[in-house]
Amino acid sequence: MGLAVAGTPVKRQHRIEQIRHHIEGRKLVWFGNRATDGACLEDLPELSDIVGLVAPCTGVNSASTYCLESEWVRRVDLNTFDIDQNRGFEIANLHHHLFRLMSSPSVLLSYRPSEFLTALRYPCLATCQVWAMPHLQQQAFEYKPWVESEVDKLGITIIPWRHYSIFDWSNIHRDFGKQPLVLRGAKGSGGAKLALAEGKDAIHDFCETLDEGIVSASVFIEDNLPLSVNAVVFRDGQVYCALLSVQLIGLPECTRRRFGFCGNDFGAVVSLPESCIIELERATTVIGRWLGSVGYLGAFGIDFLYSDGNLFFTEVNPRFMASAPLASSLSLGLGETDVYLEHMAAFAGLEPHPGASIIERLGRVTTFPSQIMVYNRSSVTIGRADVDIAPSPGVAIVEEARTRVSIMQEAQMFKLLFSRSVVDANGRLLLDVAKVVRESTHRFVAGSNQLGANL
């Protein structure tokens, strides 16, 4: 789906040539949650292999592809699946495949660090440059109470969380009473460790699901617009910011999770006050500099809430985000560098590419993309029906699970791409878009085979 843009492009090609100089003829390998994200690197001729957990990737230059989903015949919920907690033979095969790739001169780019990747990184030090942080260093930035307490010290407004030991869960009800609360674990992504709770029993039940020893609670800010931005911090603390988006959260047409991540709308941000966008870019830059000062390097994302004229920091995502490919497509249309190229530049020791402000770049875009992730909302694993899914006009269906692949609960069934905005000013799906989601879902699961949750 092409993007119409206007204005004078920045020399993206110059950035690519700089990075290629530092790759020095090695092959380039992408390893990520979604294999399809590897397509964002197709401008680099060195791209030789794309490896992912789900969403097999095809047709990207001459790159070879390997997807765990195809080996496993199963699509997992990426927001709860932990590769470091799995030791099956399929994971061993994935390890052996990556080991072979990394045993020859190569550069590996990863969606996020993991112990699984670290177990490959150091045995292959002589042959492979891993342009990602060691997992134990990166994991510190996954711990939300620490990060937000440091962000608070920077003078940036945060959600007024209060933190409790899970052994003191009853104190949450004592302190907040019967008002609706948002409860959160210390780690987690995609809304999997967030819940809206009312009453003592709901608080207790949520705390029982947590692996870590701390739970955070806050009043529910009901009228809000979730915002998100991809960024990169360099060794000298300079920060690159991509274009921002409105996050689609907890859409009942897509997920059963109240705060489940369901996609992004890059066009809905044009209705925001200019002061909000300027403050978001400023806050992202300040937070990025702090991240760099305490040892972080490369791509990250930040989520905010905009409510009643106020911008609240919600969390740092110390990795590439699911919105990065769409943000990259906007940058490509503008002829600019993107979050993937800048991440590589940061690890190559390059200076950040000078660029215009978010406000200036938004003014040059004439067509904005959106994406909607649709998940398996049933209580069991399902199998996709062997039927074609004809997309609606102006809509592309991508990353759909293939036939005979078991789709776990809350695993993504498919993604819808639009070349327009899909939500109203309050972040709710437009009526015609909601209809497309429902009809696409019906076609996808029509005659589906309920395979049983133990597959």
Protein backbone atom coordinates (compact mmCIF):
# COMPACT_ATOMS: atom_id res chain seq x y z
CA MET A 1 0.00 0.00 0.00
CA GLY A 2 1.78 3.12 -1.21
CA LEU A 3 2.01 6.34 0.76
CA ALA A 4 1.62 9.72 -0.90
CA VAL A 5 4.03 12.35 0.40
CA ALA A 6 5.09 15.84 -0.48
CA GLY A 7 8.22 17.88 0.08
CA THR A 8 11.97 17.53 -0.43
CA PRO A 9 13.26 14.10 0.77
CA VAL A 10 16.24 13.74 3.04
CA LYS A 11 18.99 11.61 1.47
CA ARG A 12 18.05 8.20 2.85
CA GLN A 13 20.46 6.56 0.45
CA HIS A 14 23.42 8.31 2.08
CA ARG A 15 22.51 6.73 5.43
CA ILE A 16 22.27 3.30 3.82
CA GLU A 17 25.71 3.72 2.27
CA GLN A 18 27.18 4.70 5.65
CA ILE A 19 25.73 1.58 7.29
CA ARG A 20 26.85 -0.68 4.45
CA HIS A 21 30.38 0.64 4.91
CA HIS A 22 30.30 -0.56 8.52
CA ILE A 23 28.76 -3.92 7.62
CA GLU A 24 31.91 -4.46 5.56
CA GLY A 25 30.51 -7.10 3.23
CA ARG A 26 29.12 -9.34 5.99
CA LYS A 27 25.71 -10.88 5.55
CA LEU A 28 22.86 -9.21 7.44
CA VAL A 29 20.48 -11.35 9.52
CA TRP A 30 17.16 -10.26 11.03
CA PHE A 31 15.85 -12.17 14.07
CA GLY A 32 12.55 -10.96 15.48
CA ASN A 33 9.16 -11.85 16.87
CA ARG A 34 7.57 -11.34 13.44
CA ALA A 35 9.59 -12.54 10.50
CA THR A 36 7.72 -10.02 8.33
CA ASP A 37 9.47 -7.14 10.13
CA GLY A 38 12.65 -8.19 8.35
CA ALA A 39 11.22 -6.72 5.14
CA CYS A 40 12.06 -3.28 6.56
CA LEU A 41 15.72 -4.04 5.81
CA GLU A 42 15.23 -4.87 2.13
CA ASP A 43 17.04 -1.69 1.00
CA LEU A 44 20.26 -3.26 2.26
CA PRO A 45 21.69 -5.71 -0.31
CA GLU A 46 23.52 -7.53 2.51
CA LEU A 47 20.21 -8.82 3.91
CA SER A 48 20.58 -12.58 3.52
CA ASP A 49 18.37 -14.21 6.15
CA ILE A 50 15.12 -13.39 7.93
CA VAL A 51 14.32 -15.43 11.04
CA GLY A 52 11.21 -15.02 13.20
CA LEU A 53 8.86 -16.64 15.67
CA VAL A 54 5.60 -15.98 13.79
CA ALA A 55 4.35 -14.51 10.49
CA PRO A 56 6.55 -16.11 7.81
CA CYS A 57 8.09 -13.64 5.39
CA THR A 58 8.35 -14.19 1.64
CA GLY A 59 9.42 -12.24 -1.41
CA VAL A 60 12.12 -10.03 0.17
CA ASN A 61 14.89 -9.83 -2.40
CA SER A 62 16.89 -13.06 -2.30
CA ALA A 63 16.79 -13.41 1.50
CA SER A 64 16.19 -16.86 2.95
CA THR A 65 13.50 -17.16 5.60
CA TYR A 66 13.02 -19.39 8.63
CA CYS A 67 9.99 -19.15 10.91
CA LEU A 68 9.41 -21.07 14.13
CA GLU A 69 5.67 -20.99 13.44
CA SER A 70 6.16 -23.13 10.34
CA GLU A 71 8.24 -25.68 12.29
CA TRP A 72 5.94 -25.69 15.29
CA VAL A 73 2.71 -25.49 13.24
CA ARG A 74 1.54 -23.16 15.98
CA ARG A 75 1.11 -19.41 16.36
CA VAL A 76 1.79 -18.17 19.88
CA ASP A 77 0.63 -15.11 21.79
CA LEU A 78 3.67 -12.85 21.48
CA ASN A 79 2.66 -10.87 24.56
CA THR A 80 3.01 -13.89 26.87
CA PHE A 81 5.33 -16.27 25.01
CA ASP A 82 8.86 -16.29 26.42
CA ILE A 83 11.45 -18.01 24.28
CA ASP A 84 13.74 -18.26 27.31
CA GLN A 85 11.21 -20.50 29.06
CA ASN A 86 10.97 -23.00 26.19
CA ARG A 87 13.38 -25.87 25.58
CA GLY A 88 11.55 -28.02 23.03
CA PHE A 89 13.21 -29.51 19.96
CA GLU A 90 11.73 -26.76 17.75
CA ILE A 91 13.55 -24.16 19.84
CA ALA A 92 16.70 -26.26 19.58
CA ASN A 93 16.30 -26.33 15.78
CA LEU A 94 15.91 -22.55 15.77
CA HIS A 95 19.10 -22.27 17.83
CA HIS A 96 21.01 -24.51 15.42
CA HIS A 97 19.75 -22.55 12.40
CA LEU A 98 20.86 -19.21 13.87
CA PHE A 99 24.17 -20.72 15.00
CA ARG A 100 24.95 -21.71 11.44
CA LEU A 101 24.17 -18.21 10.20
CA MET A 102 26.20 -16.53 12.94
CA SER A 103 29.19 -18.83 12.48
CA SER A 104 30.17 -17.01 9.28
CA PRO A 105 30.91 -13.26 8.93
CA SER A 106 27.61 -11.58 9.76
CA VAL A 107 25.73 -8.78 11.48
CA LEU A 108 22.58 -9.76 13.38
CA LEU A 109 19.78 -7.29 14.12
CA SER A 110 17.27 -8.39 16.76
CA TYR A 111 13.76 -7.25 17.71
CA ARG A 112 14.67 -7.61 21.37
CA PRO A 113 17.49 -9.23 23.36
CA SER A 114 16.96 -12.57 25.11
CA GLU A 115 18.89 -15.22 26.99
CA PHE A 116 18.29 -17.43 23.95
CA LEU A 117 20.17 -14.92 21.78
CA THR A 118 22.93 -14.42 24.36
CA ALA A 119 23.60 -18.17 24.23
CA LEU A 120 24.41 -17.63 20.55
CA ARG A 121 26.09 -14.26 20.82
CA TYR A 122 29.20 -15.20 22.80
CA PRO A 123 29.99 -18.53 21.10
CA CYS A 124 29.92 -16.58 17.79
CA LEU A 125 31.85 -13.48 18.92
CA ALA A 126 34.62 -14.06 16.37
CA THR A 127 32.26 -14.13 13.39
CA CYS A 128 29.05 -12.25 14.22
CA GLN A 129 28.42 -8.69 15.35
CA VAL A 130 25.13 -8.60 17.27
CA TRP A 131 23.69 -5.09 17.00
CA ALA A 132 21.57 -5.45 20.12
CA MET A 133 22.21 -5.07 23.83
CA PRO A 134 23.10 -8.08 26.04
CA HIS A 135 19.85 -9.35 27.52
CA LEU A 136 20.67 -8.81 31.20
CA GLN A 137 21.62 -5.20 30.51
CA GLN A 138 18.43 -4.63 28.52
CA GLN A 139 16.16 -6.32 31.06
CA ALA A 140 16.78 -3.60 33.64
CA PHE A 141 14.85 -1.24 31.37
CA GLU A 142 11.87 -3.63 31.31
CA TYR A 143 11.31 -2.97 35.03
CA LYS A 144 8.59 -0.35 34.95
CA PRO A 145 8.65 0.95 38.58
CA TRP A 146 12.34 1.84 38.30
CA VAL A 147 12.07 3.45 34.87
CA GLU A 148 9.07 5.61 35.70
CA SER A 149 10.58 6.72 39.02
CA GLU A 150 13.62 7.94 37.10
CA VAL A 151 11.43 9.61 34.46
CA ASP A 152 9.56 11.39 37.27
CA LYS A 153 12.88 12.87 38.40
CA LEU A 154 13.31 14.34 34.91
CA GLY A 155 10.27 16.54 35.48
CA ILE A 156 8.02 14.60 33.10
CA THR A 157 4.46 13.92 34.21
CA ILE A 158 3.83 10.23 34.92
CA ILE A 159 0.75 8.18 35.76
CA PRO A 160 0.25 8.42 39.56
CA TRP A 161 1.05 4.78 40.29
CA ARG A 162 1.31 3.49 43.84
CA HIS A 163 3.42 0.37 44.34
CA TYR A 164 2.67 -2.56 46.68
CA SER A 165 4.15 -5.91 47.51
CA ILE A 166 1.82 -8.64 46.34
CA PHE A 167 1.70 -9.78 49.98
CA ASP A 168 0.08 -6.43 50.82
CA TRP A 169 -2.54 -6.62 48.09
CA SER A 170 -5.37 -5.90 50.54
CA ASN A 171 -3.86 -2.46 51.18
CA ILE A 172 -4.75 -1.50 47.61
CA HIS A 173 -8.44 -1.84 48.39
CA ARG A 174 -7.92 0.00 51.66
CA ASP A 175 -6.20 2.94 49.94
CA PHE A 176 -8.41 3.25 46.85
CA GLY A 177 -11.80 2.00 48.01
CA LYS A 178 -14.32 0.83 45.43
CA GLN A 179 -13.32 3.09 42.53
CA PRO A 180 -12.17 1.39 39.30
CA LEU A 181 -8.42 0.79 39.35
CA VAL A 182 -5.78 -0.07 36.80
CA LEU A 183 -3.45 -2.77 38.12
CA ARG A 184 -0.10 -3.52 36.52
CA GLY A 185 2.74 -5.98 36.90
CA ALA A 186 6.33 -4.78 37.03
CA LYS A 187 7.04 -6.22 33.57
CA GLY A 188 5.00 -7.21 30.54
CA SER A 189 4.05 -5.99 27.09
CA GLY A 190 0.99 -5.60 24.89
CA GLY A 191 -1.33 -5.07 27.85
CA ALA A 192 -0.93 -8.67 29.06
CA LYS A 193 0.04 -7.55 32.59
CA LEU A 194 -2.62 -4.81 32.91
CA ALA A 195 -6.14 -5.13 34.27
CA LEU A 196 -9.09 -2.98 35.20
CA ALA A 197 -10.21 -4.09 38.67
CA GLU A 198 -13.16 -3.23 40.88
CA GLY A 199 -13.36 -4.73 44.32
CA LYS A 200 -11.14 -6.71 46.65
CA ASP A 201 -11.59 -10.07 44.92
CA ALA A 202 -10.51 -8.67 41.55
CA ILE A 203 -7.39 -7.17 43.12
CA HIS A 204 -6.50 -10.48 44.77
CA ASP A 205 -7.11 -12.48 41.60
CA PHE A 206 -4.84 -10.21 39.55
CA CYS A 207 -2.03 -10.38 42.10
CA GLU A 208 -2.24 -14.18 41.98
CA THR A 209 -1.30 -14.06 38.27
CA LEU A 210 1.95 -12.12 38.77
CA ASP A 211 5.39 -13.72 38.69
CA GLU A 212 7.18 -10.75 40.24
CA GLY A 213 6.69 -9.54 43.81
CA ILE A 214 5.29 -6.09 43.13
CA VAL A 215 2.01 -4.73 41.81
CA SER A 216 1.24 -1.13 40.87
CA ALA A 217 -2.16 0.55 41.14
CA SER A 218 -3.58 3.78 39.78
CA VAL A 219 -6.94 5.44 39.35
CA PHE A 220 -8.45 4.77 35.93
CA ILE A 221 -8.04 7.75 33.59
CA GLU A 222 -11.10 7.00 31.50
CA ASP A 223 -11.03 9.74 28.85
CA ASN A 224 -7.64 9.40 27.24
CA LEU A 225 -5.92 8.98 23.91
CA PRO A 226 -2.97 6.54 23.93
CA LEU A 227 0.03 7.80 21.94
CA SER A 228 3.24 6.05 20.95
CA VAL A 229 6.54 6.97 19.32
CA ASN A 230 9.55 4.98 18.09
CA ALA A 231 12.98 6.42 18.79
CA VAL A 232 16.72 5.63 18.89
CA VAL A 233 19.37 6.80 21.35
CA PHE A 234 23.01 7.08 20.25
CA ARG A 235 26.21 6.64 22.23
CA ASP A 236 26.54 10.39 22.76
CA GLY A 237 22.96 10.69 24.06
CA GLN A 238 21.47 12.20 20.93
CA VAL A 239 17.99 10.94 20.06
CA TYR A 240 16.22 10.25 16.78
CA CYS A 241 12.40 10.38 16.87
CA ALA A 242 10.15 8.76 14.27
CA LEU A 243 6.59 9.93 13.59
CA LEU A 244 4.10 9.23 16.36
CA SER A 245 0.81 7.35 16.26
CA VAL A 246 -2.40 6.85 18.20
CA GLN A 247 -2.36 3.39 19.75
CA LEU A 248 -5.42 1.18 19.41
CA ILE A 249 -6.00 -0.34 22.84
CA GLY A 250 -8.51 -2.92 24.05
CA LEU A 251 -10.71 -2.97 20.93
CA PRO A 252 -13.50 -5.48 21.68
CA GLU A 253 -13.57 -6.48 18.00
CA CYS A 254 -9.94 -7.61 18.26
CA THR A 255 -9.07 -8.84 21.76
CA ARG A 256 -10.51 -9.88 25.12
CA ARG A 257 -7.81 -7.95 26.98
CA ARG A 258 -9.08 -4.67 28.37
CA PHE A 259 -5.75 -2.97 27.64
CA GLY A 260 -4.57 -5.25 24.84
CA PHE A 261 -2.53 -3.65 22.07
CA CYS A 262 -4.48 -3.76 18.79
CA GLY A 263 -2.56 -1.52 16.39
CA ASN A 264 -1.75 2.05 15.41
CA ASP A 265 -3.28 4.98 13.56
CA PHE A 266 -0.66 7.41 12.25
CA GLY A 267 -3.23 9.81 10.83
CA ALA A 268 -5.29 10.40 13.97
CA VAL A 269 -2.44 12.44 15.48
CA VAL A 270 -3.08 15.34 13.09
CA SER A 271 -6.07 16.37 15.23
CA LEU A 272 -3.86 16.75 18.32
CA PRO A 273 -2.88 20.23 19.49
CA GLU A 274 0.53 21.20 18.17
CA SER A 275 1.64 21.82 21.76
CA CYS A 276 0.98 18.14 22.61
CA ILE A 277 3.13 16.89 19.72
CA ILE A 278 5.94 19.29 20.59
CA GLU A 279 5.86 18.21 24.24
CA LEU A 280 5.81 14.53 23.28
CA GLU A 281 8.93 14.97 21.13
CA ARG A 282 10.63 16.94 23.89
CA ALA A 283 9.78 14.33 26.52
CA THR A 284 10.96 11.51 24.26
CA THR A 285 14.27 13.28 23.70
CA VAL A 286 14.77 13.91 27.43
CA ILE A 287 13.93 10.31 28.32
CA GLY A 288 16.14 9.01 25.51
CA ARG A 289 19.08 11.02 26.83
CA TRP A 290 18.51 9.53 30.28
CA LEU A 291 18.38 6.03 28.78
CA GLY A 292 21.71 6.67 27.07
CA SER A 293 23.25 8.03 30.26
CA VAL A 294 22.56 4.77 32.10
CA GLY A 295 23.80 2.44 29.38
CA TYR A 296 20.97 1.98 26.91
CA LEU A 297 21.73 2.02 23.17
CA GLY A 298 19.56 1.72 20.09
CA ALA A 299 15.85 1.51 19.35
CA PHE A 300 13.17 2.03 21.97
CA GLY A 301 9.57 3.17 22.15
CA ILE A 302 7.64 5.34 24.56
CA ASP A 303 3.91 5.28 25.29
CA PHE A 304 1.98 8.28 26.55
CA LEU A 305 -1.61 9.10 27.48
CA TYR A 306 -3.14 12.40 26.40
CA SER A 307 -6.05 13.40 28.63
CA ASP A 308 -7.78 16.71 29.25
CA GLY A 309 -4.90 18.70 27.76
CA ASN A 310 -2.25 16.82 29.75
CA LEU A 311 0.41 14.40 28.50
CA PHE A 312 1.29 11.49 30.81
CA PHE A 313 4.27 9.18 30.37
CA THR A 314 3.17 5.55 30.70
CA GLU A 315 6.13 3.33 29.80
CA VAL A 316 9.36 2.75 27.92
CA ASN A 317 9.54 -0.23 25.57
CA PRO A 318 13.28 -1.07 25.43
CA ARG A 319 13.13 -2.73 22.01
CA PHE A 320 11.66 -2.27 18.56
CA MET A 321 7.89 -1.85 18.73
CA ALA A 322 5.15 -3.46 16.65
CA SER A 323 4.50 -0.03 15.12
CA ALA A 324 8.09 0.30 13.84
CA PRO A 325 7.44 -1.20 10.37
CA LEU A 326 4.60 1.25 9.70
CA ALA A 327 6.65 4.16 11.04
CA SER A 328 9.45 2.98 8.75
CA SER A 329 7.12 2.96 5.74
CA LEU A 330 6.26 6.61 6.41
CA SER A 331 9.95 7.50 6.63
CA LEU A 332 10.62 5.60 3.40
CA GLY A 333 7.89 7.56 1.64
CA LEU A 334 9.51 10.79 2.79
CA GLY A 335 12.91 9.63 1.56
CA GLU A 336 14.20 9.74 5.12
CA THR A 337 16.10 7.42 7.39
CA ASP A 338 14.01 5.30 9.76
CA VAL A 339 14.14 3.62 13.16
CA TYR A 340 15.81 0.46 11.78
CA LEU A 341 18.54 2.34 9.93
CA GLU A 342 19.16 4.64 12.91
CA HIS A 343 19.37 1.67 15.29
CA MET A 344 22.01 0.15 13.04
CA ALA A 345 23.80 3.50 12.81
CA ALA A 346 23.87 3.74 16.62
CA PHE A 347 25.53 0.32 16.94
CA ALA A 348 27.90 1.14 14.08
CA GLY A 349 29.09 4.18 16.05
CA LEU A 350 27.72 6.74 13.57
CA GLU A 351 26.31 10.16 14.39
CA PRO A 352 22.51 10.55 14.30
CA HIS A 353 21.15 11.70 10.97
CA PRO A 354 20.00 15.34 11.17
CA GLY A 355 16.28 15.57 10.59
CA ALA A 356 13.29 17.86 10.82
CA SER A 357 10.96 17.99 13.81
CA ILE A 358 7.92 15.73 14.03
CA ILE A 359 5.66 18.71 13.33
CA GLU A 360 7.57 19.57 10.16
CA ARG A 361 7.56 15.99 8.90
CA LEU A 362 3.83 15.56 9.60
CA GLY A 363 3.21 18.53 7.34
CA ARG A 364 4.82 16.70 4.42
CA VAL A 365 2.74 13.52 4.67
CA THR A 366 -0.51 13.43 2.70
CA THR A 367 -1.59 9.81 3.28
CA PHE A 368 -1.26 8.16 6.68
CA PRO A 369 -1.34 4.38 7.29
CA SER A 370 -3.06 2.44 10.05
CA GLN A 371 -2.82 -1.16 11.21
CA ILE A 372 -5.23 -3.32 13.20
CA MET A 373 -4.14 -6.62 14.79
CA VAL A 374 -6.97 -9.13 15.21
CA TYR A 375 -6.43 -11.86 17.81
CA ASN A 376 -8.02 -15.20 18.66
CA ARG A 377 -10.64 -14.11 21.20
CA SER A 378 -12.00 -17.61 21.81
CA SER A 379 -11.18 -19.64 24.91
CA VAL A 380 -9.49 -22.41 22.90
CA THR A 381 -6.86 -22.88 20.25
CA ILE A 382 -8.37 -22.69 16.78
CA GLY A 383 -7.29 -23.64 13.29
CA ARG A 384 -7.85 -21.37 10.33
CA ALA A 385 -10.39 -22.54 7.79
CA ASP A 386 -9.03 -23.45 4.35
CA VAL A 387 -10.75 -20.51 2.65
CA ASP A 388 -9.56 -17.39 0.90
CA ILE A 389 -9.89 -14.11 2.79
CA ALA A 390 -10.78 -11.47 0.23
CA PRO A 391 -9.82 -8.06 1.62
CA SER A 392 -12.22 -5.15 1.43
CA PRO A 393 -11.38 -2.39 -1.08
CA GLY A 394 -8.55 -0.22 0.23
CA VAL A 395 -7.59 -2.79 2.87
CA ALA A 396 -4.74 -5.30 2.87
CA ILE A 397 -4.74 -8.47 4.98
CA VAL A 398 -1.23 -9.48 6.03
CA GLU A 399 0.52 -11.73 8.54
CA GLU A 400 -2.44 -14.10 8.50
CA ALA A 401 -1.89 -17.51 10.04
CA ARG A 402 -1.76 -20.19 7.39
CA THR A 403 -4.07 -23.17 7.18
CA ARG A 404 -3.23 -26.08 9.48
CA VAL A 405 -1.47 -23.71 11.89
CA SER A 406 -2.90 -23.81 15.42
CA ILE A 407 -3.69 -20.29 16.67
CA MET A 408 -3.36 -20.05 20.44
CA GLN A 409 -5.62 -17.92 22.62
CA GLU A 410 -4.90 -14.19 22.08
CA ALA A 411 -2.43 -15.01 19.30
CA GLN A 412 -2.72 -12.76 16.27
CA MET A 413 -4.90 -14.26 13.55
CA PHE A 414 -4.13 -11.56 10.99
CA LYS A 415 -3.38 -7.87 10.54
CA LEU A 416 -5.36 -5.30 8.53
CA LEU A 417 -3.56 -2.42 6.81
CA PHE A 418 -5.39 0.76 5.85
CA SER A 419 -4.12 3.81 3.96
CA ARG A 420 -6.29 6.12 6.08
CA SER A 421 -7.25 6.85 9.63
CA VAL A 422 -9.39 4.21 11.35
CA VAL A 423 -10.42 5.82 14.66
CA ASP A 424 -12.35 8.89 15.73
CA ALA A 425 -11.06 11.66 17.98
CA ASN A 426 -11.72 9.47 21.05
CA GLY A 427 -9.75 6.50 19.74
CA ARG A 428 -12.80 4.37 18.88
CA LEU A 429 -12.99 2.47 15.59
CA LEU A 430 -14.96 4.18 12.85
CA LEU A 431 -18.17 2.29 12.10
CA ASP A 432 -17.13 1.20 8.60
CA VAL A 433 -13.74 0.05 9.90
CA ALA A 434 -15.34 -1.98 12.70
CA LYS A 435 -17.50 -3.63 10.04
CA VAL A 436 -14.40 -4.57 8.03
CA VAL A 437 -12.83 -6.10 11.14
CA ARG A 438 -15.94 -8.14 11.93
CA GLU A 439 -16.40 -9.36 8.35
CA SER A 440 -12.72 -10.26 7.96
CA THR A 441 -12.79 -12.15 11.25
CA HIS A 442 -15.91 -14.05 10.21
CA ARG A 443 -14.33 -15.10 6.91
CA PHE A 444 -11.12 -16.10 8.66
CA VAL A 445 -12.72 -18.38 11.24
CA ALA A 446 -15.67 -19.63 9.17
CA GLY A 447 -15.78 -23.37 9.64
CA SER A 448 -12.71 -23.20 11.87
CA ASN A 449 -11.53 -26.36 13.52
CA GLN A 450 -11.33 -26.10 17.33
CA LEU A 451 -8.12 -28.02 17.82
CA GLY A 452 -7.82 -28.06 21.59
CA ALA A 453 -5.58 -25.94 23.79
CA ASN A 454 -2.96 -28.63 24.35
CA LEU A 455 -1.58 -28.74 20.80
